[in-house]
PDB file of N, CA and C in Angstrom:
ATOM      1  N   MET A   1       0.523  -0.990  -0.344  1.00  0.00           N
ATOM      2  CA  MET A   1      -0.150   0.248  -0.242  1.00  0.00           C
ATOM      3  C   MET A   1       0.534   1.449  -0.007  1.00  0.00           C
ATOM      4  N   PHE A   2       1.599   1.004   0.897  1.00  0.00           N
ATOM      5  CA  PHE A   2       2.670   3.028   1.452  1.00  0.00           C
ATOM      6  C   PHE A   2       3.430   2.535  -0.054  1.00  0.00           C
ATOM      7  N   LYS A   3       3.796   1.872  -0.384  1.00  0.00           N
ATOM      8  CA  LYS A   3       4.977   1.965  -1.125  1.00  0.00           C
ATOM      9  C   LYS A   3       4.086   2.191  -3.072  1.00  0.00           C
ATOM     10  N   LYS A   4       2.562   1.362  -3.113  1.00  0.00           N
ATOM     11  CA  LYS A   4       2.011   1.959  -4.394  1.00  0.00           C
ATOM     12  C   LYS A   4       1.495   3.375  -3.547  1.00  0.00           C
ATOM     13  N   LEU A   5       1.640   3.995  -2.879  1.00  0.00           N
ATOM     14  CA  LEU A   5       1.240   5.104  -3.227  1.00  0.00           C
ATOM     15  C   LEU A   5       2.747   6.246  -4.006  1.00  0.00           C
ATOM     16  N   LEU A   6       3.989   5.644  -2.747  1.00  0.00           N
ATOM     17  CA  LEU A   6       4.942   6.290  -2.927  1.00  0.00           C
ATOM     18  C   LEU A   6       5.454   6.786  -4.050  1.00  0.00           C
ATOM     19  N   VAL A   7       5.182   5.109  -5.297  1.00  0.00           N
ATOM     20  CA  VAL A   7       6.012   5.204  -6.070  1.00  0.00           C
ATOM     21  C   VAL A   7       4.852   6.131  -7.510  1.00  0.00           C
ATOM     22  N   SER A   8       3.514   6.043  -7.014  1.00  0.00           N
ATOM     23  CA  SER A   8       2.910   7.073  -7.282  1.00  0.00           C
ATOM     24  C   SER A   8       2.917   8.585  -7.918  1.00  0.00           C
ATOM     25  N   VAL A   9       3.690   8.784  -6.524  1.00  0.00           N
ATOM     26  CA  VAL A   9       3.764  10.211  -6.058  1.00  0.00           C
ATOM     27  C   VAL A   9       5.014  10.399  -6.983  1.00  0.00           C
ATOM     28  N   ILE A  10       5.631   9.578  -6.815  1.00  0.00           N
ATOM     29  CA  ILE A  10       7.436   9.786  -7.225  1.00  0.00           C
ATOM     30  C   ILE A  10       7.030  10.310  -9.315  1.00  0.00           C
ATOM     31  N   LYS A  11       6.384   9.296  -9.841  1.00  0.00           N
ATOM     32  CA  LYS A  11       5.741   9.452 -10.833  1.00  0.00           C
ATOM     33  C   LYS A  11       5.451  10.858 -11.534  1.00  0.00           C
ATOM     34  N   GLN A  12       4.547  11.354 -10.643  1.00  0.00           N
ATOM     35  CA  GLN A  12       4.229  12.310 -10.985  1.00  0.00           C
ATOM     36  C   GLN A  12       5.264  13.641 -10.737  1.00  0.00           C
ATOM     37  N   TYR A  13       5.699  13.385  -9.367  1.00  0.00           N
ATOM     38  CA  TYR A  13       7.031  14.374  -9.294  1.00  0.00           C
ATOM     39  C   TYR A  13       7.838  14.420 -11.003  1.00  0.00           C
ATOM     40  N   PHE A  14       8.279  13.061 -11.062  1.00  0.00           N
ATOM     41  CA  PHE A  14       8.855  13.290 -12.518  1.00  0.00           C
ATOM     42  C   PHE A  14       8.469  13.891 -13.509  1.00  0.00           C
ATOM     43  N   VAL A  15       7.387  13.393 -13.577  1.00  0.00           N
ATOM     44  CA  VAL A  15       6.608  14.550 -15.351  1.00  0.00           C
ATOM     45  C   VAL A  15       6.261  16.431 -14.643  1.00  0.00           C
ATOM     46  N   TYR A  16       6.141  16.552 -13.726  1.00  0.00           N
ATOM     47  CA  TYR A  16       6.152  17.459 -13.486  1.00  0.00           C
ATOM     48  C   TYR A  16       7.535  18.299 -13.170  1.00  0.00           C
ATOM     49  N   LEU A  17       8.750  17.612 -13.315  1.00  0.00           N
ATOM     50  CA  LEU A  17      10.190  18.132 -13.603  1.00  0.00           C
ATOM     51  C   LEU A  17       9.969  17.779 -14.665  1.00  0.00           C
ATOM     52  N   LYS A  18       9.468  17.102 -15.490  1.00  0.00           N
ATOM     53  CA  LYS A  18       9.981  17.552 -16.770  1.00  0.00           C
ATOM     54  C   LYS A  18       9.174  18.482 -17.893  1.00  0.00           C
ATOM     55  N   LYS A  19       8.110  18.750 -17.192  1.00  0.00           N
ATOM     56  CA  LYS A  19       6.845  19.788 -17.829  1.00  0.00           C
ATOM     57  C   LYS A  19       8.041  22.031 -17.311  1.00  0.00           C
ATOM     58  N   MET A  20       8.892  20.949 -16.158  1.00  0.00           N
ATOM     59  CA  MET A  20       9.261  22.489 -16.264  1.00  0.00           C
ATOM     60  C   MET A  20      10.464  22.043 -16.586  1.00  0.00           C
ATOM     61  N   HIS A  21      10.913  21.849 -17.120  1.00  0.00           N
ATOM     62  CA  HIS A  21      12.410  21.898 -17.468  1.00  0.00           C
ATOM     63  C   HIS A  21      12.289  21.764 -18.435  1.00  0.00           C
ATOM     64  N   SER A  22      11.139  21.019 -19.683  1.00  0.00           N
ATOM     65  CA  SER A  22      10.547  22.082 -21.136  1.00  0.00           C
ATOM     66  C   SER A  22      10.752  22.774 -21.427  1.00  0.00           C
ATOM     67  N   ASN A  23       9.700  23.767 -19.902  1.00  0.00           N
ATOM     68  CA  ASN A  23       9.258  25.416 -19.821  1.00  0.00           C
ATOM     69  C   ASN A  23      10.332  25.568 -19.987  1.00  0.00           C
ATOM     70  N   ASN A  24      11.554  25.676 -18.802  1.00  0.00           N
ATOM     71  CA  ASN A  24      12.457  26.487 -18.524  1.00  0.00           C
ATOM     72  C   ASN A  24      14.176  26.679 -19.859  1.00  0.00           C
ATOM     73  N   LEU A  25      14.023  25.546 -20.224  1.00  0.00           N
ATOM     74  CA  LEU A  25      14.337  25.045 -21.997  1.00  0.00           C
ATOM     75  C   LEU A  25      13.985  25.728 -22.781  1.00  0.00           C
ATOM     76  N   GLN A  26      12.733  26.528 -23.326  1.00  0.00           N
ATOM     77  CA  GLN A  26      11.580  27.169 -24.691  1.00  0.00           C
ATOM     78  C   GLN A  26      11.817  29.085 -23.496  1.00  0.00           C
ATOM     79  N   ASP A  27      12.142  28.330 -22.806  1.00  0.00           N
ATOM     80  CA  ASP A  27      12.121  30.245 -22.151  1.00  0.00           C
ATOM     81  C   ASP A  27      13.924  30.891 -22.611  1.00  0.00           C
ATOM     82  N   LYS A  28      14.768  29.801 -22.093  1.00  0.00           N
ATOM     83  CA  LYS A  28      15.996  30.088 -21.544  1.00  0.00           C
ATOM     84  C   LYS A  28      16.463  30.495 -23.716  1.00  0.00           C
ATOM     85  N   LEU A  29      15.675  29.081 -24.278  1.00  0.00           N
ATOM     86  CA  LEU A  29      16.557  29.881 -25.584  1.00  0.00           C
ATOM     87  C   LEU A  29      16.375  30.562 -26.557  1.00  0.00           C
ATOM     88  N   PRO A  30      15.272  31.671 -26.328  1.00  0.00           N
ATOM     89  CA  PRO A  30      15.698  33.095 -27.069  1.00  0.00           C
ATOM     90  C   PRO A  30      16.558  33.683 -26.721  1.00  0.00           C
ATOM     91  N   SER A  31      16.902  33.711 -25.362  1.00  0.00           N
ATOM     92  CA  SER A  31      17.694  34.925 -24.926  1.00  0.00           C
ATOM     93  C   SER A  31      18.773  34.759 -25.104  1.00  0.00           C
ATOM     94  N   HIS A  32      18.941  33.227 -24.836  1.00  0.00           N
ATOM     95  CA  HIS A  32      20.572  32.669 -25.588  1.00  0.00           C
ATOM     96  C   HIS A  32      20.690  32.993 -26.525  1.00  0.00           C
ATOM     97  N   ASN A  33      20.307  32.536 -27.677  1.00  0.00           N
ATOM     98  CA  ASN A  33      20.807  33.003 -28.913  1.00  0.00           C
ATOM     99  C   ASN A  33      20.514  34.283 -29.118  1.00  0.00           C
ATOM    100  N   LEU A  34      20.005  35.320 -28.131  1.00  0.00           N
ATOM    101  CA  LEU A  34      20.749  37.072 -28.215  1.00  0.00           C
ATOM    102  C   LEU A  34      21.674  37.298 -27.663  1.00  0.00           C
ATOM    103  N   SER A  35      22.308  36.056 -26.372  1.00  0.00           N
ATOM    104  CA  SER A  35      22.819  37.099 -26.417  1.00  0.00           C
ATOM    105  C   SER A  35      24.507  35.913 -26.747  1.00  0.00           C
TER     106      SER A  35
END
């Protein structure tokens, strides 16, 4: 039970990290090209 909960939380966390990471990449690319 607890292990299942932990796994689902970890999966959600990784999905969240991926979203944040791709957003950051998209934000940084234009400014990086300018400089």
